[in-house]
């Protein structure tokens, strides 16, 4: 599932933007910032925190950012 974004001001007619729309627009049409509609869940069954603690910074950055794209 692809992450969707909305404006912090909530004053846009469209309240559902793709990552690409948010990235290339900069600000929302109402002047607000784009934020995720929902936050991705962290899998506790796989002990995600332990997996992250053993990753290099580039690996960690990728694993976190890919959840928001």
PDB file of N, CA and C in Angstrom:
ATOM      1  N   UNK A   1       0.849  -1.194   0.000  1.00  0.00           N
ATOM      2  CA  UNK A   1       0.000   0.000   0.000  1.00  0.00           C
ATOM      3  C   UNK A   1       0.883   1.243   0.000  1.00  0.00           C
ATOM      4  N   UNK A   2       0.526   2.177  -0.820  1.00  0.00           N
ATOM      5  CA  UNK A   2       1.297   3.398  -0.929  1.00  0.00           C
ATOM      6  C   UNK A   2       0.839   4.412   0.114  1.00  0.00           C
ATOM      7  N   UNK A   3       1.794   5.056   0.761  1.00  0.00           N
ATOM      8  CA  UNK A   3       1.504   6.067   1.780  1.00  0.00           C
ATOM      9  C   UNK A   3       0.843   7.271   1.113  1.00  0.00           C
ATOM     10  N   UNK A   4      -0.130   7.844   1.783  1.00  0.00           N
ATOM     11  CA  UNK A   4      -0.822   9.036   1.294  1.00  0.00           C
ATOM     12  C   UNK A   4      -0.547  10.182   2.257  1.00  0.00           C
ATOM     13  N   UNK A   5      -0.668  11.408   1.764  1.00  0.00           N
ATOM     14  CA  UNK A   5      -0.343  12.596   2.541  1.00  0.00           C
ATOM     15  C   UNK A   5      -1.484  13.599   2.525  1.00  0.00           C
ATOM     16  N   UNK A   6      -1.551  14.433   3.581  1.00  0.00           N
ATOM     17  CA  UNK A   6      -2.566  15.483   3.672  1.00  0.00           C
ATOM     18  C   UNK A   6      -1.894  16.750   4.199  1.00  0.00           C
ATOM     19  N   UNK A   7      -2.603  17.856   4.137  1.00  0.00           N
ATOM     20  CA  UNK A   7      -2.075  19.136   4.601  1.00  0.00           C
ATOM     21  C   UNK A   7      -2.281  19.287   6.109  1.00  0.00           C
ATOM     22  N   UNK A   8      -1.316  19.937   6.756  1.00  0.00           N
ATOM     23  CA  UNK A   8      -1.459  20.200   8.191  1.00  0.00           C
ATOM     24  C   UNK A   8      -2.576  21.202   8.463  1.00  0.00           C
ATOM     25  N   UNK A   9      -2.907  22.009   7.480  1.00  0.00           N
ATOM     26  CA  UNK A   9      -3.975  22.998   7.660  1.00  0.00           C
ATOM     27  C   UNK A   9      -5.353  22.441   7.327  1.00  0.00           C
ATOM     28  N   UNK A  10      -5.390  21.380   6.570  1.00  0.00           N
ATOM     29  CA  UNK A  10      -6.664  20.736   6.256  1.00  0.00           C
ATOM     30  C   UNK A  10      -7.609  21.565   5.418  1.00  0.00           C
ATOM     31  N   UNK A  11      -7.097  22.578   4.716  1.00  0.00           N
ATOM     32  CA  UNK A  11      -7.972  23.457   3.955  1.00  0.00           C
ATOM     33  C   UNK A  11      -7.992  23.194   2.467  1.00  0.00           C
ATOM     34  N   UNK A  12      -7.577  22.008   2.047  1.00  0.00           N
ATOM     35  CA  UNK A  12      -7.584  21.717   0.613  1.00  0.00           C
ATOM     36  C   UNK A  12      -8.792  20.872   0.260  1.00  0.00           C
ATOM     37  N   UNK A  13      -9.284  21.067  -0.945  1.00  0.00           N
ATOM     38  CA  UNK A  13     -10.421  20.268  -1.406  1.00  0.00           C
ATOM     39  C   UNK A  13      -9.992  18.805  -1.533  1.00  0.00           C
ATOM     40  N   UNK A  14      -8.772  18.604  -2.010  1.00  0.00           N
ATOM     41  CA  UNK A  14      -8.220  17.246  -2.110  1.00  0.00           C
ATOM     42  C   UNK A  14      -7.398  17.014  -0.851  1.00  0.00           C
ATOM     43  N   UNK A  15      -7.743  16.029  -0.076  1.00  0.00           N
ATOM     44  CA  UNK A  15      -7.016  15.771   1.167  1.00  0.00           C
ATOM     45  C   UNK A  15      -6.313  14.422   1.102  1.00  0.00           C
ATOM     46  N   UNK A  16      -5.804  14.091  -0.083  1.00  0.00           N
ATOM     47  CA  UNK A  16      -5.176  12.796  -0.272  1.00  0.00           C
ATOM     48  C   UNK A  16      -4.167  12.916  -1.412  1.00  0.00           C
ATOM     49  N   UNK A  17      -2.891  13.058  -1.064  1.00  0.00           N
ATOM     50  CA  UNK A  17      -1.842  13.269  -2.053  1.00  0.00           C
ATOM     51  C   UNK A  17      -0.860  12.104  -2.036  1.00  0.00           C
ATOM     52  N   UNK A  18      -0.311  11.800  -3.203  1.00  0.00           N
ATOM     53  CA  UNK A  18       0.717  10.765  -3.282  1.00  0.00           C
ATOM     54  C   UNK A  18       2.047  11.346  -2.790  1.00  0.00           C
ATOM     55  N   UNK A  19       3.014  10.470  -2.574  1.00  0.00           N
ATOM     56  CA  UNK A  19       4.348  10.920  -2.181  1.00  0.00           C
ATOM     57  C   UNK A  19       4.913  11.867  -3.236  1.00  0.00           C
ATOM     58  N   UNK A  20       4.759  11.512  -4.498  1.00  0.00           N
ATOM     59  CA  UNK A  20       5.283  12.337  -5.581  1.00  0.00           C
ATOM     60  C   UNK A  20       4.630  13.713  -5.601  1.00  0.00           C
ATOM     61  N   UNK A  21       3.304  13.764  -5.422  1.00  0.00           N
ATOM     62  CA  UNK A  21       2.602  15.053  -5.377  1.00  0.00           C
ATOM     63  C   UNK A  21       3.128  15.914  -4.233  1.00  0.00           C
ATOM     64  N   UNK A  22       3.270  15.319  -3.069  1.00  0.00           N
ATOM     65  CA  UNK A  22       3.748  16.056  -1.894  1.00  0.00           C
ATOM     66  C   UNK A  22       5.187  16.516  -2.082  1.00  0.00           C
ATOM     67  N   UNK A  23       6.027  15.649  -2.596  1.00  0.00           N
ATOM     68  CA  UNK A  23       7.444  15.971  -2.768  1.00  0.00           C
ATOM     69  C   UNK A  23       7.644  17.110  -3.761  1.00  0.00           C
ATOM     70  N   UNK A  24       6.991  17.021  -4.916  1.00  0.00           N
ATOM     71  CA  UNK A  24       7.215  18.010  -5.958  1.00  0.00           C
ATOM     72  C   UNK A  24       6.410  19.291  -5.775  1.00  0.00           C
ATOM     73  N   UNK A  25       5.403  19.277  -4.902  1.00  0.00           N
ATOM     74  CA  UNK A  25       4.620  20.488  -4.628  1.00  0.00           C
ATOM     75  C   UNK A  25       5.309  21.372  -3.599  1.00  0.00           C
ATOM     76  N   UNK A  26       6.043  20.768  -2.686  1.00  0.00           N
ATOM     77  CA  UNK A  26       6.660  21.550  -1.609  1.00  0.00           C
ATOM     78  C   UNK A  26       5.643  21.775  -0.499  1.00  0.00           C
ATOM     79  N   UNK A  27       4.824  22.790  -0.662  1.00  0.00           N
ATOM     80  CA  UNK A  27       3.756  23.078   0.294  1.00  0.00           C
ATOM     81  C   UNK A  27       2.424  22.631  -0.293  1.00  0.00           C
ATOM     82  N   UNK A  28       1.471  22.362   0.585  1.00  0.00           N
ATOM     83  CA  UNK A  28       0.112  22.059   0.137  1.00  0.00           C
ATOM     84  C   UNK A  28      -0.505  23.331  -0.448  1.00  0.00           C
ATOM     85  N   UNK A  29      -1.526  23.196  -1.289  1.00  0.00           N
ATOM     86  CA  UNK A  29      -2.151  24.382  -1.893  1.00  0.00           C
ATOM     87  C   UNK A  29      -2.650  25.406  -0.872  1.00  0.00           C
ATOM     88  N   UNK A  30      -3.001  24.971   0.339  1.00  0.00           N
ATOM     89  CA  UNK A  30      -3.476  25.903   1.364  1.00  0.00           C
ATOM     90  C   UNK A  30      -2.334  26.486   2.191  1.00  0.00           C
ATOM     91  N   UNK A  31      -1.078  26.186   1.811  1.00  0.00           N
ATOM     92  CA  UNK A  31       0.078  26.730   2.521  1.00  0.00           C
ATOM     93  C   UNK A  31       0.572  25.852   3.661  1.00  0.00           C
ATOM     94  N   UNK A  32      -0.115  24.763   3.928  1.00  0.00           N
ATOM     95  CA  UNK A  32       0.298  23.861   4.999  1.00  0.00           C
ATOM     96  C   UNK A  32       1.414  22.921   4.557  1.00  0.00           C
ATOM     97  N   UNK A  33       1.896  22.150   5.492  1.00  0.00           N
ATOM     98  CA  UNK A  33       2.914  21.143   5.212  1.00  0.00           C
ATOM     99  C   UNK A  33       2.233  19.807   4.964  1.00  0.00           C
ATOM    100  N   UNK A  34       2.877  18.959   4.206  1.00  0.00           N
ATOM    101  CA  UNK A  34       2.340  17.624   3.980  1.00  0.00           C
ATOM    102  C   UNK A  34       2.782  16.687   5.093  1.00  0.00           C
ATOM    103  N   UNK A  35       1.845  15.914   5.622  1.00  0.00           N
ATOM    104  CA  UNK A  35       2.134  14.899   6.638  1.00  0.00           C
ATOM    105  C   UNK A  35       1.438  13.605   6.229  1.00  0.00           C
ATOM    106  N   UNK A  36       1.969  12.455   6.668  1.00  0.00           N
ATOM    107  CA  UNK A  36       1.314  11.190   6.318  1.00  0.00           C
ATOM    108  C   UNK A  36      -0.102  11.122   6.890  1.00  0.00           C
ATOM    109  N   UNK A  37      -1.016  10.522   6.134  1.00  0.00           N
ATOM    110  CA  UNK A  37      -2.385  10.321   6.603  1.00  0.00           C
ATOM    111  C   UNK A  37      -2.376   9.364   7.794  1.00  0.00           C
ATOM    112  N   UNK A  38      -1.526   8.350   7.733  1.00  0.00           N
ATOM    113  CA  UNK A  38      -1.373   7.419   8.855  1.00  0.00           C
ATOM    114  C   UNK A  38       0.094   7.024   8.959  1.00  0.00           C
ATOM    115  N   UNK A  39       0.503   6.655  10.148  1.00  0.00           N
ATOM    116  CA  UNK A  39       1.887   6.234  10.348  1.00  0.00           C
ATOM    117  C   UNK A  39       1.999   4.733  10.123  1.00  0.00           C
ATOM    118  N   UNK A  40       3.069   4.303   9.467  1.00  0.00           N
ATOM    119  CA  UNK A  40       3.240   2.871   9.241  1.00  0.00           C
ATOM    120  C   UNK A  40       3.470   2.141  10.565  1.00  0.00           C
ATOM    121  N   UNK A  41       2.976   0.923  10.642  1.00  0.00           N
ATOM    122  CA  UNK A  41       3.160   0.155  11.871  1.00  0.00           C
ATOM    123  C   UNK A  41       4.538  -0.493  11.885  1.00  0.00           C
ATOM    124  N   UNK A  42       5.018  -0.751  13.075  1.00  0.00           N
ATOM    125  CA  UNK A  42       6.303  -1.418  13.262  1.00  0.00           C
ATOM    126  C   UNK A  42       6.012  -2.834  13.723  1.00  0.00           C
ATOM    127  N   UNK A  43       6.603  -3.792  13.049  1.00  0.00           N
ATOM    128  CA  UNK A  43       6.332  -5.193  13.331  1.00  0.00           C
ATOM    129  C   UNK A  43       7.066  -5.636  14.597  1.00  0.00           C
ATOM    130  N   UNK A  44       6.346  -5.766  15.693  1.00  0.00           N
ATOM    131  CA  UNK A  44       6.956  -6.178  16.957  1.00  0.00           C
ATOM    132  C   UNK A  44       7.246  -7.668  16.990  1.00  0.00           C
ATOM    133  N   UNK A  45       6.504  -8.444  16.185  1.00  0.00           N
ATOM    134  CA  UNK A  45       6.741  -9.887  16.157  1.00  0.00           C
ATOM    135  C   UNK A  45       8.130 -10.214  15.632  1.00  0.00           C
ATOM    136  N   UNK A  46       8.599  -9.436  14.682  1.00  0.00           N
ATOM    137  CA  UNK A  46       9.935  -9.649  14.130  1.00  0.00           C
ATOM    138  C   UNK A  46      10.985  -8.885  14.927  1.00  0.00           C
ATOM    139  N   UNK A  47      10.577  -8.242  16.011  1.00  0.00           N
ATOM    140  CA  UNK A  47      11.460  -7.441  16.848  1.00  0.00           C
ATOM    141  C   UNK A  47      12.205  -6.413  15.997  1.00  0.00           C
ATOM    142  N   UNK A  48      11.437  -5.586  15.314  1.00  0.00           N
ATOM    143  CA  UNK A  48      11.980  -4.599  14.396  1.00  0.00           C
ATOM    144  C   UNK A  48      13.023  -3.702  15.042  1.00  0.00           C
ATOM    145  N   UNK A  49      12.848  -3.359  16.313  1.00  0.00           N
ATOM    146  CA  UNK A  49      13.802  -2.485  16.980  1.00  0.00           C
ATOM    147  C   UNK A  49      15.188  -3.132  17.059  1.00  0.00           C
ATOM    148  N   UNK A  50      15.240  -4.431  17.323  1.00  0.00           N
ATOM    149  CA  UNK A  50      16.528  -5.131  17.358  1.00  0.00           C
ATOM    150  C   UNK A  50      17.152  -5.187  15.972  1.00  0.00           C
ATOM    151  N   UNK A  51      16.325  -5.415  14.959  1.00  0.00           N
ATOM    152  CA  UNK A  51      16.849  -5.426  13.593  1.00  0.00           C
ATOM    153  C   UNK A  51      17.435  -4.061  13.238  1.00  0.00           C
ATOM    154  N   UNK A  52      16.736  -2.993  13.605  1.00  0.00           N
ATOM    155  CA  UNK A  52      17.226  -1.654  13.314  1.00  0.00           C
ATOM    156  C   UNK A  52      18.533  -1.357  14.041  1.00  0.00           C
ATOM    157  N   UNK A  53      18.678  -1.840  15.247  1.00  0.00           N
ATOM    158  CA  UNK A  53      19.886  -1.531  16.023  1.00  0.00           C
ATOM    159  C   UNK A  53      21.138  -2.138  15.412  1.00  0.00           C
ATOM    160  N   UNK A  54      20.981  -3.144  14.551  1.00  0.00           N
ATOM    161  CA  UNK A  54      22.131  -3.787  13.920  1.00  0.00           C
ATOM    162  C   UNK A  54      22.387  -3.303  12.498  1.00  0.00           C
ATOM    163  N   UNK A  55      21.620  -2.328  12.035  1.00  0.00           N
ATOM    164  CA  UNK A  55      21.780  -1.828  10.671  1.00  0.00           C
ATOM    165  C   UNK A  55      22.752  -0.655  10.626  1.00  0.00           C
ATOM    166  N   UNK A  56      23.370  -0.478   9.456  1.00  0.00           N
ATOM    167  CA  UNK A  56      24.161   0.728   9.242  1.00  0.00           C
ATOM    168  C   UNK A  56      23.192   1.891   9.047  1.00  0.00           C
ATOM    169  N   UNK A  57      23.694   3.111   9.117  1.00  0.00           N
ATOM    170  CA  UNK A  57      22.804   4.254   8.951  1.00  0.00           C
ATOM    171  C   UNK A  57      22.104   4.247   7.594  1.00  0.00           C
ATOM    172  N   UNK A  58      22.819   4.014   6.472  1.00  0.00           N
ATOM    173  CA  UNK A  58      22.110   3.973   5.189  1.00  0.00           C
ATOM    174  C   UNK A  58      21.028   2.890   5.128  1.00  0.00           C
ATOM    175  N   UNK A  59      21.286   1.722   5.711  1.00  0.00           N
ATOM    176  CA  UNK A  59      20.279   0.651   5.730  1.00  0.00           C
ATOM    177  C   UNK A  59      19.065   1.065   6.553  1.00  0.00           C
ATOM    178  N   UNK A  60      19.321   1.670   7.713  1.00  0.00           N
ATOM    179  CA  UNK A  60      18.242   2.129   8.594  1.00  0.00           C
ATOM    180  C   UNK A  60      17.421   3.221   7.915  1.00  0.00           C
ATOM    181  N   UNK A  61      18.099   4.184   7.314  1.00  0.00           N
ATOM    182  CA  UNK A  61      17.400   5.279   6.623  1.00  0.00           C
ATOM    183  C   UNK A  61      16.496   4.715   5.525  1.00  0.00           C
ATOM    184  N   UNK A  62      17.009   3.780   4.751  1.00  0.00           N
ATOM    185  CA  UNK A  62      16.210   3.174   3.696  1.00  0.00           C
ATOM    186  C   UNK A  62      14.991   2.460   4.267  1.00  0.00           C
ATOM    187  N   UNK A  63      15.199   1.666   5.313  1.00  0.00           N
ATOM    188  CA  UNK A  63      14.110   0.878   5.889  1.00  0.00           C
ATOM    189  C   UNK A  63      13.015   1.771   6.478  1.00  0.00           C
ATOM    190  N   UNK A  64      13.391   2.898   7.048  1.00  0.00           N
ATOM    191  CA  UNK A  64      12.394   3.826   7.601  1.00  0.00           C
ATOM    192  C   UNK A  64      11.708   4.607   6.484  1.00  0.00           C
ATOM    193  N   UNK A  65      12.490   5.131   5.548  1.00  0.00           N
ATOM    194  CA  UNK A  65      11.908   5.962   4.489  1.00  0.00           C
ATOM    195  C   UNK A  65      11.032   5.189   3.529  1.00  0.00           C
ATOM    196  N   UNK A  66      11.369   3.937   3.243  1.00  0.00           N
ATOM    197  CA  UNK A  66      10.573   3.165   2.303  1.00  0.00           C
ATOM    198  C   UNK A  66       9.141   2.965   2.816  1.00  0.00           C
ATOM    199  N   UNK A  67       8.954   3.056   4.094  1.00  0.00           N
ATOM    200  CA  UNK A  67       7.615   2.923   4.688  1.00  0.00           C
ATOM    201  C   UNK A  67       6.742   4.160   4.431  1.00  0.00           C
ATOM    202  N   UNK A  68       7.387   5.284   4.073  1.00  0.00           N
ATOM    203  CA  UNK A  68       6.668   6.541   3.868  1.00  0.00           C
ATOM    204  C   UNK A  68       6.512   6.904   2.402  1.00  0.00           C
ATOM    205  N   UNK A  69       6.986   6.064   1.525  1.00  0.00           N
ATOM    206  CA  UNK A  69       6.936   6.385   0.088  1.00  0.00           C
ATOM    207  C   UNK A  69       5.866   5.536  -0.584  1.00  0.00           C
TER     208      UNK A  69
END
